Amino acid sequence: MFDVSILIPAIRTHNWSRMYDTIVSACQNHTFELVLVSPFDLPEDLKRYDNIKLIKDYGSPTRCAQIGLLECRGRLVYHCVDDALFFPGSIDTAISFYDGYCGKKDVINMRYREGANFSGQEWTHSFWFAHYHEELRLPGIESFWKISLHPLMSTSYLKEIGGWDCSYEYINHPLHDLMFRVQADGGKLYDSPTDVTTCDHYGGRTIDHASIHDAQVYSDLPRFRTLYSTPGVASTRITIPLENWRDSPPRWERRFKNTVPQSYEEILKLNE
């Protein structure tokens, strides 16, 4: 068993080696595995590591995260993204904080920065509260609830409450849903002591982002708004079926409609 499983639905193969090197610098005092769920193979230089697991899947990012969760062997699981670079010592610091302050249901919000070419700055403290964001000011979302898009939490507890709702395509809204279910179940969200990652950012439908943008705008957000328009809804669905990924299509049509790309570069061409 590892101290932490770093779980990433992933397509950006060009960033994986650099990302892995920064994970090593961020997690020197704890053991980790990197679990990638992707349509693509590992780059050759990463195949020598026995703490990297790659699972092939062509489904949506949410389905991929759920499939990856089932394979995680860490005591803790940390959902992240593959355009992230990790700050030295940041995972160690967060795990030490978790072990000192958190119970089974509690979550560390692994704070991140985001901006084009990794130019993002530290977010204000209020950014991590749900009602800071206009789209989350809904009757079913308490004003004091917090959010975490990169959570660190108990693997067993995450599986116990069913992981993510794979009826959503991209994982942004099911991550919000998960955090609200956790808080409805009595769990607390703590901000990580430091920023953990700096992430690149592709806006709108640029670069490789078209399918993600369209999924959120045209499918996920309307579904989420409908669900959380009901007060107290999170308390009625704290636990969802862990195997709900099986109801999600094995091929994500928004990204793989006409062909199955053999490389990240092919995805970029399809997005032109």
C-alpha atoms as a PDB file:
ATOM      1  CA  MET A   1       0.000   0.000   0.000  1.00  0.00           C
ATOM      2  CA  PHE A   2       1.089   3.558  -0.742  1.00  0.00           C
ATOM      3  CA  ASP A   3       0.527   6.643   1.379  1.00  0.00           C
ATOM      4  CA  VAL A   4      -1.233   8.353  -1.521  1.00  0.00           C
ATOM      5  CA  SER A   5      -2.574   7.521  -4.958  1.00  0.00           C
ATOM      6  CA  ILE A   6      -2.367  10.501  -7.309  1.00  0.00           C
ATOM      7  CA  LEU A   7      -5.242   9.890  -9.698  1.00  0.00           C
ATOM      8  CA  ILE A   8      -5.364  11.687 -13.050  1.00  0.00           C
ATOM      9  CA  PRO A   9      -7.577  11.258 -16.120  1.00  0.00           C
ATOM     10  CA  ALA A  10      -4.923  12.133 -18.666  1.00  0.00           C
ATOM     11  CA  ILE A  11      -4.265  12.913 -22.333  1.00  0.00           C
ATOM     12  CA  ARG A  12      -1.309  15.351 -22.302  1.00  0.00           C
ATOM     13  CA  THR A  13       1.481  12.830 -22.733  1.00  0.00           C
ATOM     14  CA  HIS A  14       4.024  15.572 -23.482  1.00  0.00           C
ATOM     15  CA  ASN A  15       3.711  16.813 -19.884  1.00  0.00           C
ATOM     16  CA  TRP A  16       3.766  13.525 -18.000  1.00  0.00           C
ATOM     17  CA  SER A  17       7.522  13.128 -17.541  1.00  0.00           C
ATOM     18  CA  ARG A  18       8.000  16.659 -16.275  1.00  0.00           C
ATOM     19  CA  MET A  19       4.940  16.282 -14.069  1.00  0.00           C
ATOM     20  CA  TYR A  20       6.234  13.030 -12.564  1.00  0.00           C
ATOM     21  CA  ASP A  21       9.587  14.637 -11.720  1.00  0.00           C
ATOM     22  CA  THR A  22       7.824  17.414  -9.832  1.00  0.00           C
ATOM     23  CA  ILE A  23       5.665  14.884  -7.960  1.00  0.00           C
ATOM     24  CA  VAL A  24       8.876  13.234  -6.747  1.00  0.00           C
ATOM     25  CA  SER A  25      10.079  16.581  -5.394  1.00  0.00           C
ATOM     26  CA  ALA A  26       6.683  17.244  -3.790  1.00  0.00           C
ATOM     27  CA  CYS A  27       6.379  13.854  -2.092  1.00  0.00           C
ATOM     28  CA  GLN A  28       9.761  12.818  -0.701  1.00  0.00           C
ATOM     29  CA  ASN A  29       8.661  11.715   2.772  1.00  0.00           C
ATOM     30  CA  HIS A  30       5.662   9.617   1.759  1.00  0.00           C
ATOM     31  CA  THR A  31       5.149   6.822  -0.741  1.00  0.00           C
ATOM     32  CA  PHE A  32       2.998   7.482  -3.786  1.00  0.00           C
ATOM     33  CA  GLU A  33       1.645   5.890  -6.911  1.00  0.00           C
ATOM     34  CA  LEU A  34       0.603   7.774 -10.015  1.00  0.00           C
ATOM     35  CA  VAL A  35      -2.563   6.340 -11.568  1.00  0.00           C
ATOM     36  CA  LEU A  36      -3.183   7.623 -15.096  1.00  0.00           C
ATOM     37  CA  VAL A  37      -6.345   6.762 -17.032  1.00  0.00           C
ATOM     38  CA  SER A  38      -5.828   7.575 -20.671  1.00  0.00           C
ATOM     39  CA  PRO A  39      -6.391   6.494 -24.265  1.00  0.00           C
ATOM     40  CA  PHE A  40      -2.614   6.707 -24.780  1.00  0.00           C
ATOM     41  CA  ASP A  41       0.389   4.634 -23.700  1.00  0.00           C
ATOM     42  CA  LEU A  42       3.061   5.717 -21.253  1.00  0.00           C
ATOM     43  CA  PRO A  43       6.053   7.511 -22.756  1.00  0.00           C
ATOM     44  CA  GLU A  44       9.078   5.229 -22.882  1.00  0.00           C
ATOM     45  CA  ASP A  45      10.985   7.096 -20.170  1.00  0.00           C
ATOM     46  CA  LEU A  46       8.183   6.479 -17.636  1.00  0.00           C
ATOM     47  CA  LYS A  47       7.861   2.739 -18.186  1.00  0.00           C
ATOM     48  CA  ARG A  48      10.792   2.044 -15.862  1.00  0.00           C
ATOM     49  CA  TYR A  49       8.917   3.235 -12.756  1.00  0.00           C
ATOM     50  CA  ASP A  50       7.003   0.650 -10.748  1.00  0.00           C
ATOM     51  CA  ASN A  51       4.809   3.259  -9.052  1.00  0.00           C
ATOM     52  CA  ILE A  52       3.071   4.376 -12.246  1.00  0.00           C
ATOM     53  CA  LYS A  53      -0.058   2.581 -13.365  1.00  0.00           C
ATOM     54  CA  LEU A  54      -1.732   3.335 -16.698  1.00  0.00           C
ATOM     55  CA  ILE A  55      -5.284   2.208 -17.415  1.00  0.00           C
ATOM     56  CA  LYS A  56      -6.541   2.459 -20.989  1.00  0.00           C
ATOM     57  CA  ASP A  57      -9.998   3.931 -21.482  1.00  0.00           C
ATOM     58  CA  TYR A  58     -11.747   6.069 -24.087  1.00  0.00           C
ATOM     59  CA  GLY A  59     -14.573   7.288 -21.901  1.00  0.00           C
ATOM     60  CA  SER A  60     -15.303  10.711 -20.447  1.00  0.00           C
ATOM     61  CA  PRO A  61     -12.945  12.220 -17.860  1.00  0.00           C
ATOM     62  CA  THR A  62     -15.431  11.456 -15.060  1.00  0.00           C
ATOM     63  CA  ARG A  63     -15.744   7.816 -16.096  1.00  0.00           C
ATOM     64  CA  CYS A  64     -11.933   7.620 -16.289  1.00  0.00           C
ATOM     65  CA  ALA A  65     -11.550   9.024 -12.778  1.00  0.00           C
ATOM     66  CA  GLN A  66     -14.028   6.486 -11.409  1.00  0.00           C
ATOM     67  CA  ILE A  67     -12.296   3.569 -13.150  1.00  0.00           C
ATOM     68  CA  GLY A  68      -8.967   4.789 -11.812  1.00  0.00           C
ATOM     69  CA  LEU A  69     -10.330   5.087  -8.275  1.00  0.00           C
ATOM     70  CA  LEU A  70     -11.144   1.385  -8.268  1.00  0.00           C
ATOM     71  CA  GLU A  71      -7.460   0.640  -8.952  1.00  0.00           C
ATOM     72  CA  CYS A  72      -5.990   2.985  -6.342  1.00  0.00           C
ATOM     73  CA  ARG A  73      -3.934   1.281  -3.638  1.00  0.00           C
ATOM     74  CA  GLY A  74      -3.080   4.328  -1.570  1.00  0.00           C
ATOM     75  CA  ARG A  75      -4.380   5.029   1.920  1.00  0.00           C
ATOM     76  CA  LEU A  76      -5.284   8.451   0.542  1.00  0.00           C
ATOM     77  CA  VAL A  77      -6.326   9.450  -2.953  1.00  0.00           C
ATOM     78  CA  TYR A  78      -5.555  12.811  -4.560  1.00  0.00           C
ATOM     79  CA  HIS A  79      -7.411  13.747  -7.729  1.00  0.00           C
ATOM     80  CA  CYS A  80      -5.395  16.065  -9.959  1.00  0.00           C
ATOM     81  CA  VAL A  81      -4.888  17.045 -13.616  1.00  0.00           C
ATOM     82  CA  ASP A  82      -2.140  16.327 -16.115  1.00  0.00           C
ATOM     83  CA  ASP A  83      -1.254  19.933 -16.922  1.00  0.00           C
ATOM     84  CA  ALA A  84      -0.071  20.386 -13.322  1.00  0.00           C
ATOM     85  CA  LEU A  85       3.423  20.942 -11.974  1.00  0.00           C
ATOM     86  CA  PHE A  86       3.943  20.337  -8.259  1.00  0.00           C
ATOM     87  CA  PHE A  87       5.743  22.581  -5.778  1.00  0.00           C
ATOM     88  CA  PRO A  88       8.576  20.959  -3.767  1.00  0.00           C
ATOM     89  CA  GLY A  89       7.419  19.443  -0.476  1.00  0.00           C
ATOM     90  CA  SER A  90       3.789  20.395  -1.052  1.00  0.00           C
ATOM     91  CA  ILE A  91       2.277  16.897  -0.990  1.00  0.00           C
ATOM     92  CA  ASP A  92       4.326  15.966   2.088  1.00  0.00           C
ATOM     93  CA  THR A  93       3.064  19.056   3.899  1.00  0.00           C
ATOM     94  CA  ALA A  94      -0.557  18.331   2.979  1.00  0.00           C
ATOM     95  CA  ILE A  95      -0.393  14.668   4.053  1.00  0.00           C
ATOM     96  CA  SER A  96       1.176  15.644   7.376  1.00  0.00           C
ATOM     97  CA  PHE A  97      -1.635  18.149   7.895  1.00  0.00           C
ATOM     98  CA  TYR A  98      -4.240  15.516   7.001  1.00  0.00           C
ATOM     99  CA  ASP A  99      -2.767  13.019   9.461  1.00  0.00           C
ATOM    100  CA  GLY A 100      -2.691  15.635  12.208  1.00  0.00           C
ATOM    101  CA  TYR A 101      -6.132  17.162  11.828  1.00  0.00           C
ATOM    102  CA  CYS A 102      -8.466  15.076   9.670  1.00  0.00           C
ATOM    103  CA  GLY A 103     -10.927  12.332  10.363  1.00  0.00           C
ATOM    104  CA  LYS A 104     -12.163   9.743   7.903  1.00  0.00           C
ATOM    105  CA  LYS A 105     -14.696  12.033   6.219  1.00  0.00           C
ATOM    106  CA  ASP A 106     -12.504  15.129   6.025  1.00  0.00           C
ATOM    107  CA  VAL A 107     -10.816  16.460   2.892  1.00  0.00           C
ATOM    108  CA  ILE A 108      -7.758  18.556   2.179  1.00  0.00           C
ATOM    109  CA  ASN A 109      -8.436  21.026  -0.624  1.00  0.00           C
ATOM    110  CA  MET A 110      -5.134  20.837  -2.501  1.00  0.00           C
ATOM    111  CA  ARG A 111      -4.908  24.477  -3.499  1.00  0.00           C
ATOM    112  CA  TYR A 112      -3.660  25.168  -7.007  1.00  0.00           C
ATOM    113  CA  ARG A 113      -2.820  28.043  -9.288  1.00  0.00           C
ATOM    114  CA  GLU A 114      -4.010  28.226 -12.884  1.00  0.00           C
ATOM    115  CA  GLY A 115      -3.008  30.422 -15.797  1.00  0.00           C
ATOM    116  CA  ALA A 116      -1.747  30.325 -19.357  1.00  0.00           C
ATOM    117  CA  ASN A 117       1.817  28.965 -19.468  1.00  0.00           C
ATOM    118  CA  PHE A 118       1.672  28.344 -15.692  1.00  0.00           C
ATOM    119  CA  SER A 119       1.297  32.052 -14.963  1.00  0.00           C
ATOM    120  CA  GLY A 120      -1.434  31.724 -12.336  1.00  0.00           C
ATOM    121  CA  GLN A 121      -1.208  33.395  -8.941  1.00  0.00           C
ATOM    122  CA  GLU A 122      -2.472  32.260  -5.542  1.00  0.00           C
ATOM    123  CA  TRP A 123      -6.270  32.482  -5.250  1.00  0.00           C
ATOM    124  CA  THR A 124      -7.866  34.562  -2.524  1.00  0.00           C
ATOM    125  CA  HIS A 125      -9.096  32.565   0.497  1.00  0.00           C
ATOM    126  CA  SER A 126     -12.737  33.253  -0.410  1.00  0.00           C
ATOM    127  CA  PHE A 127     -12.277  31.552  -3.797  1.00  0.00           C
ATOM    128  CA  TRP A 128     -12.613  28.174  -2.082  1.00  0.00           C
ATOM    129  CA  PHE A 129     -16.131  28.889  -0.802  1.00  0.00           C
ATOM    130  CA  ALA A 130     -18.958  27.736  -3.044  1.00  0.00           C
ATOM    131  CA  HIS A 131     -20.921  30.982  -3.026  1.00  0.00           C
ATOM    132  CA  TYR A 132     -17.897  32.941  -4.245  1.00  0.00           C
ATOM    133  CA  HIS A 133     -18.894  31.524  -7.653  1.00  0.00           C
ATOM    134  CA  GLU A 134     -22.155  32.761  -9.146  1.00  0.00           C
ATOM    135  CA  GLU A 135     -23.077  29.435 -10.744  1.00  0.00           C
ATOM    136  CA  LEU A 136     -22.886  27.732  -7.317  1.00  0.00           C
ATOM    137  CA  ARG A 137     -25.343  30.104  -5.611  1.00  0.00           C
ATOM    138  CA  LEU A 138     -28.173  27.594  -5.792  1.00  0.00           C
ATOM    139  CA  PRO A 139     -30.850  26.593  -3.242  1.00  0.00           C
ATOM    140  CA  GLY A 140     -29.253  23.193  -2.647  1.00  0.00           C
ATOM    141  CA  ILE A 141     -25.780  24.594  -1.873  1.00  0.00           C
ATOM    142  CA  GLU A 142     -25.122  25.990   1.596  1.00  0.00           C
ATOM    143  CA  SER A 143     -23.347  29.345   1.768  1.00  0.00           C
ATOM    144  CA  PHE A 144     -20.717  27.990   4.181  1.00  0.00           C
ATOM    145  CA  TRP A 145     -19.806  24.966   2.068  1.00  0.00           C
ATOM    146  CA  LYS A 146     -16.408  24.858   0.438  1.00  0.00           C
ATOM    147  CA  ILE A 147     -15.205  23.441  -2.857  1.00  0.00           C
ATOM    148  CA  SER A 148     -12.211  21.415  -3.921  1.00  0.00           C
ATOM    149  CA  LEU A 149     -11.377  20.460  -7.486  1.00  0.00           C
ATOM    150  CA  HIS A 150      -8.166  18.752  -6.378  1.00  0.00           C
ATOM    151  CA  PRO A 151      -9.145  16.905  -3.187  1.00  0.00           C
ATOM    152  CA  LEU A 152      -6.973  14.715  -0.969  1.00  0.00           C
ATOM    153  CA  MET A 153      -9.097  12.294   1.044  1.00  0.00           C
ATOM    154  CA  SER A 154      -9.484   8.788   2.377  1.00  0.00           C
ATOM    155  CA  THR A 155      -9.581   6.261  -0.452  1.00  0.00           C
ATOM    156  CA  SER A 156     -11.826   3.913   1.491  1.00  0.00           C
ATOM    157  CA  TYR A 157     -14.298   6.684   2.316  1.00  0.00           C
ATOM    158  CA  LEU A 158     -14.408   7.921  -1.277  1.00  0.00           C
ATOM    159  CA  LYS A 159     -15.229   4.406  -2.437  1.00  0.00           C
ATOM    160  CA  GLU A 160     -17.730   3.969   0.390  1.00  0.00           C
ATOM    161  CA  ILE A 161     -19.817   6.942  -0.768  1.00  0.00           C
ATOM    162  CA  GLY A 162     -19.555   5.940  -4.428  1.00  0.00           C
ATOM    163  CA  GLY A 163     -16.955   8.285  -5.855  1.00  0.00           C
ATOM    164  CA  TRP A 164     -18.089  10.573  -8.665  1.00  0.00           C
ATOM    165  CA  ASP A 165     -21.404  10.739 -10.495  1.00  0.00           C
ATOM    166  CA  CYS A 166     -20.520   9.539 -13.995  1.00  0.00           C
ATOM    167  CA  SER A 167     -23.727  10.862 -15.506  1.00  0.00           C
ATOM    168  CA  TYR A 168     -21.616  14.020 -15.877  1.00  0.00           C
ATOM    169  CA  GLU A 169     -19.080  14.048 -18.692  1.00  0.00           C
ATOM    170  CA  TYR A 170     -16.356  16.339 -17.393  1.00  0.00           C
ATOM    171  CA  ILE A 171     -15.293  16.053 -13.775  1.00  0.00           C
ATOM    172  CA  ASN A 172     -15.714  19.677 -12.678  1.00  0.00           C
ATOM    173  CA  HIS A 173     -19.367  19.458 -11.635  1.00  0.00           C
ATOM    174  CA  PRO A 174     -19.164  15.946 -10.154  1.00  0.00           C
ATOM    175  CA  LEU A 175     -16.252  17.186  -8.028  1.00  0.00           C
ATOM    176  CA  HIS A 176     -18.500  19.958  -6.683  1.00  0.00           C
ATOM    177  CA  ASP A 177     -21.242  17.394  -6.143  1.00  0.00           C
ATOM    178  CA  LEU A 178     -18.836  15.090  -4.303  1.00  0.00           C
ATOM    179  CA  MET A 179     -17.649  17.839  -1.966  1.00  0.00           C
ATOM    180  CA  PHE A 180     -21.238  18.839  -1.170  1.00  0.00           C
ATOM    181  CA  ARG A 181     -22.135  15.214  -0.447  1.00  0.00           C
ATOM    182  CA  VAL A 182     -19.093  14.954   1.847  1.00  0.00           C
ATOM    183  CA  GLN A 183     -20.087  18.087   3.758  1.00  0.00           C
ATOM    184  CA  ALA A 184     -23.710  16.921   3.986  1.00  0.00           C
ATOM    185  CA  ASP A 185     -22.277  13.748   5.551  1.00  0.00           C
ATOM    186  CA  GLY A 186     -20.461  15.748   8.229  1.00  0.00           C
ATOM    187  CA  GLY A 187     -17.047  15.975   6.577  1.00  0.00           C
ATOM    188  CA  LYS A 188     -14.964  19.138   6.711  1.00  0.00           C
ATOM    189  CA  LEU A 189     -12.818  20.702   3.994  1.00  0.00           C
ATOM    190  CA  TYR A 190      -9.469  22.156   5.020  1.00  0.00           C
ATOM    191  CA  ASP A 191      -7.334  24.230   2.678  1.00  0.00           C
ATOM    192  CA  SER A 192      -3.852  22.839   2.148  1.00  0.00           C
ATOM    193  CA  PRO A 193      -1.157  24.742   4.085  1.00  0.00           C
ATOM    194  CA  THR A 194       0.517  25.732   0.798  1.00  0.00           C
ATOM    195  CA  ASP A 195      -0.338  25.836  -2.876  1.00  0.00           C
ATOM    196  CA  VAL A 196       0.365  22.351  -4.198  1.00  0.00           C
ATOM    197  CA  THR A 197       0.410  22.806  -7.979  1.00  0.00           C
ATOM    198  CA  THR A 198       0.554  25.360 -10.743  1.00  0.00           C
ATOM    199  CA  CYS A 199      -1.526  24.422 -13.779  1.00  0.00           C
ATOM    200  CA  ASP A 200      -1.630  25.548 -17.382  1.00  0.00           C
ATOM    201  CA  HIS A 201      -4.907  26.902 -18.743  1.00  0.00           C
ATOM    202  CA  TYR A 202      -6.665  26.613 -22.096  1.00  0.00           C
ATOM    203  CA  GLY A 203      -9.744  28.816 -22.322  1.00  0.00           C
ATOM    204  CA  GLY A 204     -12.973  28.204 -24.201  1.00  0.00           C
ATOM    205  CA  ARG A 205     -12.610  25.807 -27.123  1.00  0.00           C
ATOM    206  CA  THR A 206      -8.870  26.419 -27.654  1.00  0.00           C
ATOM    207  CA  ILE A 207      -6.055  23.845 -27.984  1.00  0.00           C
ATOM    208  CA  ASP A 208      -7.488  20.525 -26.691  1.00  0.00           C
ATOM    209  CA  HIS A 209     -10.355  22.060 -24.702  1.00  0.00           C
ATOM    210  CA  ALA A 210     -13.316  22.042 -27.105  1.00  0.00           C
ATOM    211  CA  SER A 211     -14.866  18.791 -25.890  1.00  0.00           C
ATOM    212  CA  ILE A 212     -14.472  19.805 -22.241  1.00  0.00           C
ATOM    213  CA  HIS A 213     -15.953  23.246 -22.835  1.00  0.00           C
ATOM    214  CA  ASP A 214     -18.937  21.849 -24.733  1.00  0.00           C
ATOM    215  CA  ALA A 215     -19.591  19.106 -22.184  1.00  0.00           C
ATOM    216  CA  GLN A 216     -19.697  21.583 -19.321  1.00  0.00           C
ATOM    217  CA  VAL A 217     -21.774  24.245 -21.053  1.00  0.00           C
ATOM    218  CA  TYR A 218     -24.303  22.105 -22.883  1.00  0.00           C
ATOM    219  CA  SER A 219     -24.675  19.039 -20.673  1.00  0.00           C
ATOM    220  CA  ASP A 220     -23.112  19.139 -17.217  1.00  0.00           C
ATOM    221  CA  LEU A 221     -24.059  22.633 -16.053  1.00  0.00           C
ATOM    222  CA  PRO A 222     -27.777  22.312 -16.912  1.00  0.00           C
ATOM    223  CA  ARG A 223     -27.901  18.907 -15.170  1.00  0.00           C
ATOM    224  CA  PHE A 224     -26.121  20.315 -12.112  1.00  0.00           C
ATOM    225  CA  ARG A 225     -28.381  23.382 -11.909  1.00  0.00           C
ATOM    226  CA  THR A 226     -31.471  21.212 -12.035  1.00  0.00           C
ATOM    227  CA  LEU A 227     -30.183  18.910  -9.298  1.00  0.00           C
ATOM    228  CA  TYR A 228     -29.020  21.633  -6.896  1.00  0.00           C
ATOM    229  CA  SER A 229     -32.105  23.784  -7.350  1.00  0.00           C
ATOM    230  CA  THR A 230     -33.659  21.588  -4.636  1.00  0.00           C
ATOM    231  CA  PRO A 231     -32.770  22.562  -1.048  1.00  0.00           C
ATOM    232  CA  GLY A 232     -31.137  19.754   0.943  1.00  0.00           C
ATOM    233  CA  VAL A 233     -30.567  17.557  -2.096  1.00  0.00           C
ATOM    234  CA  ALA A 234     -27.004  16.581  -1.132  1.00  0.00           C
ATOM    235  CA  SER A 235     -28.290  14.931   2.057  1.00  0.00           C
ATOM    236  CA  THR A 236     -30.541  12.659  -0.003  1.00  0.00           C
ATOM    237  CA  ARG A 237     -27.693  11.308  -2.154  1.00  0.00           C
ATOM    238  CA  ILE A 238     -24.597  11.150   0.026  1.00  0.00           C
ATOM    239  CA  THR A 239     -23.912   7.646  -1.254  1.00  0.00           C
ATOM    240  CA  ILE A 240     -24.219   6.771  -4.939  1.00  0.00           C
ATOM    241  CA  PRO A 241     -23.437   3.463  -6.697  1.00  0.00           C
ATOM    242  CA  LEU A 242     -19.679   2.926  -6.996  1.00  0.00           C
ATOM    243  CA  GLU A 243     -20.214   1.051 -10.257  1.00  0.00           C
ATOM    244  CA  ASN A 244     -22.122   3.930 -11.840  1.00  0.00           C
ATOM    245  CA  TRP A 245     -19.310   4.338 -14.399  1.00  0.00           C
ATOM    246  CA  ARG A 246     -20.733   1.302 -16.192  1.00  0.00           C
ATOM    247  CA  ASP A 247     -23.684   3.452 -17.301  1.00  0.00           C
ATOM    248  CA  SER A 248     -21.293   5.881 -19.009  1.00  0.00           C
ATOM    249  CA  PRO A 249     -20.458   5.220 -22.695  1.00  0.00           C
ATOM    250  CA  PRO A 250     -17.098   3.476 -23.224  1.00  0.00           C
ATOM    251  CA  ARG A 251     -16.260   6.009 -25.925  1.00  0.00           C
ATOM    252  CA  TRP A 252     -16.619   9.727 -25.213  1.00  0.00           C
ATOM    253  CA  GLU A 253     -18.279  10.909 -28.397  1.00  0.00           C
ATOM    254  CA  ARG A 254     -17.351  14.572 -27.965  1.00  0.00           C
ATOM    255  CA  ARG A 255     -13.673  13.708 -28.247  1.00  0.00           C
ATOM    256  CA  PHE A 256     -13.721  10.410 -30.138  1.00  0.00           C
ATOM    257  CA  LYS A 257     -16.748  10.817 -32.412  1.00  0.00           C
ATOM    258  CA  ASN A 258     -15.302   9.933 -35.785  1.00  0.00           C
ATOM    259  CA  THR A 259     -11.982   8.354 -34.925  1.00  0.00           C
ATOM    260  CA  VAL A 260      -9.853   7.167 -32.032  1.00  0.00           C
ATOM    261  CA  PRO A 261      -6.678   9.288 -31.999  1.00  0.00           C
ATOM    262  CA  GLN A 262      -3.447   7.392 -31.499  1.00  0.00           C
ATOM    263  CA  SER A 263      -1.620  10.345 -29.958  1.00  0.00           C
ATOM    264  CA  TYR A 264      -2.192  13.657 -28.237  1.00  0.00           C
ATOM    265  CA  GLU A 265      -1.020  15.409 -31.402  1.00  0.00           C
ATOM    266  CA  GLU A 266      -3.935  13.862 -33.288  1.00  0.00           C
ATOM    267  CA  ILE A 267      -6.331  15.321 -30.730  1.00  0.00           C
ATOM    268  CA  LEU A 268      -4.903  18.763 -31.438  1.00  0.00           C
ATOM    269  CA  LYS A 269      -5.473  18.305 -35.165  1.00  0.00           C
ATOM    270  CA  LEU A 270      -9.072  17.224 -34.574  1.00  0.00           C
ATOM    271  CA  ASN A 271      -9.601  20.323 -32.437  1.00  0.00           C
ATOM    272  CA  GLU A 272      -8.440  22.728 -35.147  1.00  0.00           C
END
